[in-house]
Amino acid sequence: MFAAGLVTLALVLVQASQHQQLSRSLLYLGLAYFALFAVAHAAVRWWAPYADPLFLPCVAVLNGLGLVMIYRLDLAGTTPAGDAGPPG
């Protein structure tokens, strides 16, 4: 749950820093990320009950921050509303 909250907060901060309008889709992305790793957690607990419980949350945070970096690069290619873009 902490990983999904951290990733959602990072998405909001990236979108706000790029002068984009905040949308409800960021909340949906965070909930989908939480659901995905909740299913992964249930699968690990079912098929590997003695596995180290620290690996999956670390993987979730690292994966989420990587996705946030890709999202930031994707937003950097767009121009904010009202910006004419580069001359030429």
N, C-alpha and C. Protein backbone atom coordinates (compact mmCIF):
# COMPACT_ATOMS: atom_id res chain seq x y z
N MET A 1 0.83 -1.18 0.00
CA MET A 1 0.00 0.00 0.00
C MET A 1 0.88 1.26 0.00
N PHE A 2 1.99 1.20 0.74
CA PHE A 2 2.91 2.34 0.78
C PHE A 2 3.51 2.58 -0.60
N ALA A 3 3.86 1.52 -1.31
CA ALA A 3 4.46 1.67 -2.63
C ALA A 3 3.47 2.31 -3.61
N ALA A 4 2.21 1.90 -3.58
CA ALA A 4 1.21 2.48 -4.47
C ALA A 4 0.96 3.94 -4.13
N GLY A 5 0.92 4.27 -2.85
CA GLY A 5 0.75 5.67 -2.45
C GLY A 5 1.93 6.52 -2.88
N LEU A 6 3.14 5.98 -2.71
CA LEU A 6 4.34 6.72 -3.11
C LEU A 6 4.38 6.95 -4.61
N VAL A 7 4.03 5.93 -5.38
CA VAL A 7 4.02 6.06 -6.85
C VAL A 7 2.94 7.05 -7.29
N THR A 8 1.77 6.99 -6.68
CA THR A 8 0.70 7.93 -7.04
C THR A 8 1.10 9.36 -6.70
N LEU A 9 1.71 9.56 -5.54
CA LEU A 9 2.18 10.89 -5.17
C LEU A 9 3.26 11.38 -6.14
N ALA A 10 4.15 10.50 -6.54
CA ALA A 10 5.19 10.88 -7.50
C ALA A 10 4.58 11.26 -8.85
N LEU A 11 3.55 10.53 -9.29
CA LEU A 11 2.87 10.88 -10.54
C LEU A 11 2.22 12.26 -10.46
N VAL A 12 1.59 12.54 -9.33
CA VAL A 12 0.95 13.85 -9.13
C VAL A 12 2.01 14.95 -9.15
N LEU A 13 3.12 14.73 -8.45
CA LEU A 13 4.18 15.74 -8.41
C LEU A 13 4.80 15.98 -9.79
N VAL A 14 4.98 14.91 -10.56
CA VAL A 14 5.54 15.07 -11.90
C VAL A 14 4.58 15.84 -12.79
N GLN A 15 3.31 15.50 -12.74
CA GLN A 15 2.34 16.19 -13.59
C GLN A 15 2.19 17.65 -13.16
N ALA A 16 2.24 17.93 -11.87
CA ALA A 16 2.14 19.30 -11.40
C ALA A 16 3.38 20.11 -11.77
N SER A 17 4.54 19.49 -11.73
CA SER A 17 5.77 20.22 -12.06
C SER A 17 5.89 20.50 -13.55
N GLN A 18 5.18 19.76 -14.36
CA GLN A 18 5.20 19.98 -15.81
C GLN A 18 4.10 20.95 -16.24
N HIS A 19 3.46 21.60 -15.28
CA HIS A 19 2.39 22.57 -15.52
C HIS A 19 1.24 21.95 -16.31
N GLN A 20 0.95 20.70 -15.98
CA GLN A 20 -0.18 20.01 -16.59
C GLN A 20 -1.36 20.09 -15.64
N GLN A 21 -2.55 19.93 -16.17
CA GLN A 21 -3.74 19.93 -15.33
C GLN A 21 -3.85 18.55 -14.66
N LEU A 22 -4.05 18.55 -13.35
CA LEU A 22 -4.19 17.29 -12.63
C LEU A 22 -5.52 16.64 -13.00
N SER A 23 -5.48 15.35 -13.23
CA SER A 23 -6.69 14.65 -13.64
C SER A 23 -6.98 13.50 -12.69
N ARG A 24 -8.16 12.99 -12.78
CA ARG A 24 -8.59 11.88 -11.95
C ARG A 24 -7.93 10.58 -12.40
N SER A 25 -7.41 10.55 -13.61
CA SER A 25 -6.79 9.32 -14.12
C SER A 25 -5.56 8.93 -13.31
N LEU A 26 -4.91 9.90 -12.66
CA LEU A 26 -3.76 9.56 -11.81
C LEU A 26 -4.19 8.71 -10.63
N LEU A 27 -5.35 9.00 -10.07
CA LEU A 27 -5.87 8.19 -8.97
C LEU A 27 -6.17 6.77 -9.45
N TYR A 28 -6.73 6.67 -10.64
CA TYR A 28 -7.02 5.35 -11.20
C TYR A 28 -5.74 4.57 -11.47
N LEU A 29 -4.70 5.25 -11.93
CA LEU A 29 -3.42 4.58 -12.15
C LEU A 29 -2.85 4.07 -10.83
N GLY A 30 -2.96 4.86 -9.78
CA GLY A 30 -2.49 4.44 -8.47
C GLY A 30 -3.26 3.24 -7.93
N LEU A 31 -4.58 3.27 -8.12
CA LEU A 31 -5.40 2.14 -7.67
C LEU A 31 -5.10 0.88 -8.48
N ALA A 32 -4.87 1.03 -9.77
CA ALA A 32 -4.53 -0.13 -10.60
C ALA A 32 -3.17 -0.69 -10.19
N TYR A 33 -2.23 0.18 -9.87
CA TYR A 33 -0.92 -0.26 -9.42
C TYR A 33 -1.04 -1.01 -8.09
N PHE A 34 -1.87 -0.48 -7.19
CA PHE A 34 -2.10 -1.16 -5.92
C PHE A 34 -2.73 -2.53 -6.14
N ALA A 35 -3.72 -2.61 -7.01
CA ALA A 35 -4.40 -3.88 -7.28
C ALA A 35 -3.44 -4.90 -7.89
N LEU A 36 -2.58 -4.45 -8.78
CA LEU A 36 -1.62 -5.35 -9.41
C LEU A 36 -0.68 -5.96 -8.38
N PHE A 37 -0.16 -5.14 -7.50
CA PHE A 37 0.76 -5.67 -6.51
C PHE A 37 0.04 -6.37 -5.36
N ALA A 38 -1.22 -6.10 -5.14
CA ALA A 38 -2.00 -6.88 -4.17
C ALA A 38 -2.17 -8.31 -4.68
N VAL A 39 -2.43 -8.45 -5.97
CA VAL A 39 -2.53 -9.78 -6.58
C VAL A 39 -1.17 -10.47 -6.52
N ALA A 40 -0.09 -9.74 -6.80
CA ALA A 40 1.25 -10.32 -6.73
C ALA A 40 1.57 -10.76 -5.30
N HIS A 41 1.17 -9.96 -4.31
CA HIS A 41 1.39 -10.32 -2.92
C HIS A 41 0.64 -11.59 -2.55
N ALA A 42 -0.62 -11.68 -2.97
CA ALA A 42 -1.41 -12.88 -2.70
C ALA A 42 -0.78 -14.11 -3.37
N ALA A 43 -0.27 -13.94 -4.58
CA ALA A 43 0.36 -15.06 -5.29
C ALA A 43 1.63 -15.51 -4.58
N VAL A 44 2.44 -14.57 -4.12
CA VAL A 44 3.66 -14.93 -3.40
C VAL A 44 3.32 -15.63 -2.09
N ARG A 45 2.33 -15.12 -1.38
CA ARG A 45 1.95 -15.75 -0.10
C ARG A 45 1.39 -17.14 -0.33
N TRP A 46 0.73 -17.37 -1.47
CA TRP A 46 0.11 -18.67 -1.75
C TRP A 46 1.16 -19.68 -2.19
N TRP A 47 2.01 -19.30 -3.17
CA TRP A 47 2.94 -20.26 -3.76
C TRP A 47 4.31 -20.28 -3.10
N ALA A 48 4.66 -19.26 -2.36
CA ALA A 48 5.95 -19.22 -1.68
C ALA A 48 5.76 -18.62 -0.28
N PRO A 49 5.14 -19.35 0.61
CA PRO A 49 4.82 -18.77 1.92
C PRO A 49 6.04 -18.42 2.77
N TYR A 50 7.19 -19.02 2.49
CA TYR A 50 8.39 -18.73 3.28
C TYR A 50 9.34 -17.79 2.57
N ALA A 51 8.89 -17.15 1.51
CA ALA A 51 9.73 -16.19 0.77
C ALA A 51 9.95 -14.95 1.62
N ASP A 52 11.01 -14.25 1.33
CA ASP A 52 11.33 -13.03 2.07
C ASP A 52 10.25 -11.98 1.78
N PRO A 53 9.55 -11.48 2.81
CA PRO A 53 8.46 -10.54 2.58
C PRO A 53 8.93 -9.13 2.21
N LEU A 54 10.22 -8.89 2.19
CA LEU A 54 10.73 -7.56 1.89
C LEU A 54 10.97 -7.34 0.40
N PHE A 55 11.12 -8.41 -0.37
CA PHE A 55 11.46 -8.27 -1.78
C PHE A 55 10.34 -7.63 -2.61
N LEU A 56 9.13 -8.09 -2.44
CA LEU A 56 8.03 -7.57 -3.27
C LEU A 56 7.76 -6.09 -3.05
N PRO A 57 7.72 -5.57 -1.83
CA PRO A 57 7.55 -4.12 -1.67
C PRO A 57 8.70 -3.31 -2.29
N CYS A 58 9.92 -3.82 -2.16
CA CYS A 58 11.06 -3.12 -2.79
C CYS A 58 10.93 -3.12 -4.30
N VAL A 59 10.53 -4.24 -4.85
CA VAL A 59 10.31 -4.33 -6.30
C VAL A 59 9.19 -3.40 -6.73
N ALA A 60 8.14 -3.31 -5.94
CA ALA A 60 7.01 -2.44 -6.27
C ALA A 60 7.44 -0.98 -6.30
N VAL A 61 8.23 -0.55 -5.32
CA VAL A 61 8.69 0.85 -5.29
C VAL A 61 9.63 1.14 -6.45
N LEU A 62 10.60 0.26 -6.69
CA LEU A 62 11.55 0.49 -7.79
C LEU A 62 10.86 0.47 -9.15
N ASN A 63 9.95 -0.47 -9.34
CA ASN A 63 9.19 -0.54 -10.59
C ASN A 63 8.35 0.71 -10.77
N GLY A 64 7.68 1.13 -9.72
CA GLY A 64 6.83 2.32 -9.80
C GLY A 64 7.62 3.58 -10.09
N LEU A 65 8.77 3.74 -9.45
CA LEU A 65 9.58 4.93 -9.72
C LEU A 65 10.14 4.91 -11.14
N GLY A 66 10.43 3.73 -11.65
CA GLY A 66 10.84 3.63 -13.06
C GLY A 66 9.72 4.05 -14.00
N LEU A 67 8.50 3.63 -13.69
CA LEU A 67 7.36 4.03 -14.51
C LEU A 67 7.10 5.53 -14.41
N VAL A 68 7.34 6.11 -13.24
CA VAL A 68 7.18 7.56 -13.07
C VAL A 68 8.23 8.29 -13.92
N MET A 69 9.45 7.77 -13.97
CA MET A 69 10.50 8.39 -14.79
C MET A 69 10.11 8.36 -16.27
N ILE A 70 9.57 7.24 -16.72
CA ILE A 70 9.13 7.14 -18.11
C ILE A 70 7.99 8.11 -18.37
N TYR A 71 7.07 8.23 -17.42
CA TYR A 71 5.95 9.16 -17.56
C TYR A 71 6.45 10.60 -17.63
N ARG A 72 7.46 10.92 -16.83
CA ARG A 72 8.03 12.27 -16.85
C ARG A 72 8.67 12.56 -18.20
N LEU A 73 9.37 11.60 -18.76
CA LEU A 73 9.97 11.80 -20.08
C LEU A 73 8.89 11.96 -21.15
N ASP A 74 7.80 11.23 -21.00
CA ASP A 74 6.69 11.35 -21.95
C ASP A 74 6.06 12.73 -21.86
N LEU A 75 5.89 13.26 -20.64
CA LEU A 75 5.33 14.61 -20.48
C LEU A 75 6.28 15.68 -20.96
N ALA A 76 7.57 15.45 -20.87
CA ALA A 76 8.54 16.45 -21.30
C ALA A 76 8.48 16.67 -22.81
N GLY A 77 7.99 15.69 -23.54
CA GLY A 77 7.87 15.83 -24.99
C GLY A 77 6.65 16.62 -25.42
N THR A 78 5.71 16.85 -24.52
CA THR A 78 4.51 17.62 -24.84
C THR A 78 4.69 19.05 -24.38
N THR A 79 3.98 19.96 -25.01
CA THR A 79 4.04 21.36 -24.60
C THR A 79 2.83 21.67 -23.73
N PRO A 80 3.01 22.43 -22.66
CA PRO A 80 1.87 22.78 -21.81
C PRO A 80 0.88 23.68 -22.55
N ALA A 81 -0.34 23.72 -22.05
CA ALA A 81 -1.39 24.54 -22.66
C ALA A 81 -0.97 26.01 -22.62
N GLY A 82 -1.09 26.67 -23.74
CA GLY A 82 -0.74 28.10 -23.82
C GLY A 82 0.69 28.34 -24.26
N ASP A 83 1.48 27.28 -24.35
CA ASP A 83 2.87 27.43 -24.78
C ASP A 83 2.92 27.19 -26.28
N ALA A 84 3.56 28.09 -27.00
CA ALA A 84 3.64 27.98 -28.45
C ALA A 84 4.69 26.97 -28.88
N GLY A 85 5.56 26.56 -27.98
CA GLY A 85 6.59 25.60 -28.34
C GLY A 85 7.81 26.31 -28.90
N PRO A 86 8.76 25.54 -29.38
CA PRO A 86 9.99 26.15 -29.90
C PRO A 86 9.73 26.90 -31.20
N PRO A 87 10.47 27.98 -31.42
CA PRO A 87 10.27 28.73 -32.67
C PRO A 87 10.76 27.95 -33.87
N GLY A 88 10.11 28.17 -34.97
CA GLY A 88 10.58 27.55 -36.21
C GLY A 88 9.58 26.72 -36.78
